[in-house]
Amino acid sequence: METKLDPSRLEQIERWAKYIKDNPETWREQHTRFLNDQFEMANAALKRIEAMPGGKEKIAKLKTIKSSRR
């Protein structure tokens, strides 16, 4: 199955690759910080949902959904 990238997405990938090449000492820390923030926000959202009525059940149901991309 062939996947075609949106031209703007391809441009973003090319810019990121250039940034990594041009900034070998700084990109890793920035990327790690970004990813850690993403996990922190996701965990905070799960805690808010969990605190709602029926929240734990909703989270359990969400965890059973399979991605079509796998």
N, C-alpha and C. Protein backbone atom coordinates (compact mmCIF):
# COMPACT_ATOMS: atom_id res chain seq x y z
N MET A 1 0.84 -1.18 0.00
CA MET A 1 0.00 0.00 0.00
C MET A 1 0.88 1.25 0.00
N GLU A 2 0.74 2.06 -0.99
CA GLU A 2 1.56 3.26 -1.12
C GLU A 2 0.89 4.42 -0.38
N THR A 3 1.69 5.13 0.39
CA THR A 3 1.18 6.30 1.10
C THR A 3 1.81 7.54 0.51
N LYS A 4 0.97 8.49 0.11
CA LYS A 4 1.48 9.73 -0.44
C LYS A 4 1.43 10.80 0.65
N LEU A 5 2.55 11.52 0.80
CA LEU A 5 2.61 12.59 1.78
C LEU A 5 2.10 13.88 1.18
N ASP A 6 1.38 14.62 1.98
CA ASP A 6 0.95 15.96 1.61
C ASP A 6 2.22 16.79 1.39
N PRO A 7 2.26 17.62 0.34
CA PRO A 7 3.48 18.41 0.08
C PRO A 7 3.92 19.25 1.28
N SER A 8 2.98 19.82 2.02
CA SER A 8 3.37 20.63 3.19
C SER A 8 3.99 19.74 4.27
N ARG A 9 3.51 18.52 4.40
CA ARG A 9 4.08 17.58 5.37
C ARG A 9 5.50 17.20 4.97
N LEU A 10 5.69 16.98 3.69
CA LEU A 10 7.02 16.66 3.19
C LEU A 10 7.99 17.82 3.43
N GLU A 11 7.51 19.06 3.26
CA GLU A 11 8.34 20.23 3.54
C GLU A 11 8.73 20.29 5.01
N GLN A 12 7.79 19.96 5.89
CA GLN A 12 8.08 19.96 7.32
C GLN A 12 9.16 18.93 7.64
N ILE A 13 9.06 17.76 7.05
CA ILE A 13 10.05 16.70 7.27
C ILE A 13 11.43 17.15 6.78
N GLU A 14 11.46 17.78 5.62
CA GLU A 14 12.73 18.25 5.08
C GLU A 14 13.34 19.35 5.95
N ARG A 15 12.50 20.26 6.48
CA ARG A 15 13.00 21.31 7.37
C ARG A 15 13.56 20.71 8.65
N TRP A 16 12.84 19.70 9.20
CA TRP A 16 13.30 19.07 10.43
C TRP A 16 14.63 18.34 10.19
N ALA A 17 14.75 17.63 9.07
CA ALA A 17 16.00 16.93 8.76
C ALA A 17 17.16 17.92 8.62
N LYS A 18 16.91 19.05 7.99
CA LYS A 18 17.93 20.09 7.86
C LYS A 18 18.31 20.65 9.22
N TYR A 19 17.31 20.88 10.08
CA TYR A 19 17.57 21.41 11.41
C TYR A 19 18.45 20.44 12.20
N ILE A 20 18.13 19.16 12.14
CA ILE A 20 18.93 18.14 12.84
C ILE A 20 20.37 18.16 12.34
N LYS A 21 20.53 18.23 11.03
CA LYS A 21 21.87 18.23 10.44
C LYS A 21 22.64 19.48 10.85
N ASP A 22 21.96 20.63 10.87
CA ASP A 22 22.62 21.90 11.16
C ASP A 22 22.82 22.16 12.66
N ASN A 23 22.12 21.43 13.52
CA ASN A 23 22.16 21.66 14.96
C ASN A 23 22.35 20.36 15.73
N PRO A 24 23.45 19.65 15.48
CA PRO A 24 23.63 18.33 16.09
C PRO A 24 23.72 18.37 17.62
N GLU A 25 24.10 19.49 18.18
CA GLU A 25 24.27 19.57 19.63
C GLU A 25 22.99 19.94 20.38
N THR A 26 22.01 20.53 19.70
CA THR A 26 20.84 21.05 20.41
C THR A 26 19.52 20.36 20.11
N TRP A 27 19.41 19.74 18.94
CA TRP A 27 18.09 19.23 18.54
C TRP A 27 17.58 18.14 19.46
N ARG A 28 18.45 17.27 19.96
CA ARG A 28 18.02 16.12 20.77
C ARG A 28 17.34 16.59 22.07
N GLU A 29 17.96 17.56 22.74
CA GLU A 29 17.37 18.08 23.98
C GLU A 29 16.02 18.72 23.72
N GLN A 30 15.92 19.51 22.65
CA GLN A 30 14.65 20.15 22.31
C GLN A 30 13.58 19.11 22.00
N HIS A 31 13.95 18.09 21.25
CA HIS A 31 13.00 17.06 20.86
C HIS A 31 12.54 16.26 22.09
N THR A 32 13.48 15.94 22.97
CA THR A 32 13.14 15.21 24.19
C THR A 32 12.20 16.03 25.06
N ARG A 33 12.48 17.31 25.20
CA ARG A 33 11.62 18.20 25.99
C ARG A 33 10.21 18.24 25.39
N PHE A 34 10.12 18.34 24.06
CA PHE A 34 8.83 18.36 23.38
C PHE A 34 8.05 17.08 23.64
N LEU A 35 8.72 15.93 23.48
CA LEU A 35 8.04 14.65 23.69
C LEU A 35 7.60 14.48 25.15
N ASN A 36 8.46 14.85 26.08
CA ASN A 36 8.08 14.76 27.49
C ASN A 36 6.86 15.62 27.80
N ASP A 37 6.80 16.81 27.21
CA ASP A 37 5.64 17.68 27.40
C ASP A 37 4.37 17.04 26.82
N GLN A 38 4.50 16.37 25.68
CA GLN A 38 3.35 15.70 25.07
C GLN A 38 2.82 14.61 26.00
N PHE A 39 3.72 13.81 26.56
CA PHE A 39 3.30 12.76 27.49
C PHE A 39 2.66 13.35 28.74
N GLU A 40 3.24 14.44 29.24
CA GLU A 40 2.70 15.09 30.43
C GLU A 40 1.27 15.60 30.18
N MET A 41 1.05 16.22 29.03
CA MET A 41 -0.29 16.72 28.71
C MET A 41 -1.28 15.57 28.53
N ALA A 42 -0.86 14.50 27.89
CA ALA A 42 -1.74 13.35 27.70
C ALA A 42 -2.11 12.73 29.04
N ASN A 43 -1.13 12.59 29.93
CA ASN A 43 -1.40 12.02 31.25
C ASN A 43 -2.33 12.92 32.07
N ALA A 44 -2.15 14.23 31.96
CA ALA A 44 -3.03 15.16 32.68
C ALA A 44 -4.46 15.05 32.15
N ALA A 45 -4.60 14.91 30.83
CA ALA A 45 -5.94 14.76 30.25
C ALA A 45 -6.59 13.46 30.73
N LEU A 46 -5.82 12.39 30.79
CA LEU A 46 -6.36 11.11 31.27
C LEU A 46 -6.81 11.22 32.73
N LYS A 47 -6.06 11.94 33.53
CA LYS A 47 -6.45 12.12 34.94
C LYS A 47 -7.74 12.92 35.05
N ARG A 48 -7.90 13.94 34.19
CA ARG A 48 -9.15 14.72 34.21
C ARG A 48 -10.33 13.86 33.79
N ILE A 49 -10.14 13.04 32.77
CA ILE A 49 -11.22 12.15 32.31
C ILE A 49 -11.54 11.12 33.39
N GLU A 50 -10.50 10.59 34.01
CA GLU A 50 -10.68 9.57 35.05
C GLU A 50 -11.50 10.11 36.22
N ALA A 51 -11.37 11.40 36.50
CA ALA A 51 -12.09 12.02 37.62
C ALA A 51 -13.57 12.26 37.31
N MET A 52 -13.94 12.17 36.05
CA MET A 52 -15.34 12.38 35.65
C MET A 52 -16.17 11.13 35.93
N PRO A 53 -17.48 11.30 36.08
CA PRO A 53 -18.33 10.12 36.25
C PRO A 53 -18.17 9.17 35.05
N GLY A 54 -17.89 7.93 35.33
CA GLY A 54 -17.70 6.94 34.26
C GLY A 54 -16.38 7.09 33.53
N GLY A 55 -15.49 7.93 34.04
CA GLY A 55 -14.24 8.21 33.36
C GLY A 55 -13.33 7.00 33.23
N LYS A 56 -13.22 6.22 34.29
CA LYS A 56 -12.34 5.04 34.23
C LYS A 56 -12.83 4.07 33.18
N GLU A 57 -14.13 3.91 33.06
CA GLU A 57 -14.70 3.01 32.06
C GLU A 57 -14.44 3.54 30.65
N LYS A 58 -14.55 4.85 30.48
CA LYS A 58 -14.31 5.45 29.16
C LYS A 58 -12.86 5.23 28.73
N ILE A 59 -11.94 5.41 29.68
CA ILE A 59 -10.52 5.21 29.36
C ILE A 59 -10.26 3.75 29.01
N ALA A 60 -10.84 2.84 29.77
CA ALA A 60 -10.67 1.40 29.48
C ALA A 60 -11.19 1.08 28.08
N LYS A 61 -12.32 1.68 27.71
CA LYS A 61 -12.88 1.43 26.38
C LYS A 61 -11.97 2.00 25.29
N LEU A 62 -11.42 3.19 25.52
CA LEU A 62 -10.51 3.79 24.55
C LEU A 62 -9.28 2.92 24.32
N LYS A 63 -8.80 2.29 25.37
CA LYS A 63 -7.59 1.47 25.26
C LYS A 63 -7.81 0.19 24.45
N THR A 64 -9.07 -0.16 24.19
CA THR A 64 -9.35 -1.36 23.39
C THR A 64 -9.43 -1.05 21.89
N ILE A 65 -9.45 0.23 21.55
CA ILE A 65 -9.56 0.62 20.13
C ILE A 65 -8.22 0.38 19.46
N LYS A 66 -8.25 -0.29 18.33
CA LYS A 66 -7.04 -0.58 17.56
C LYS A 66 -6.87 0.46 16.47
N SER A 67 -5.65 0.90 16.27
CA SER A 67 -5.34 1.85 15.23
C SER A 67 -5.34 1.16 13.87
N SER A 68 -5.87 1.82 12.86
CA SER A 68 -5.86 1.26 11.51
C SER A 68 -4.48 1.42 10.87
N ARG A 69 -3.59 2.17 11.51
CA ARG A 69 -2.25 2.40 10.96
C ARG A 69 -1.27 1.31 11.35
N ARG A 70 -1.63 0.42 12.24
CA ARG A 70 -0.69 -0.62 12.68
C ARG A 70 -0.64 -1.76 11.72
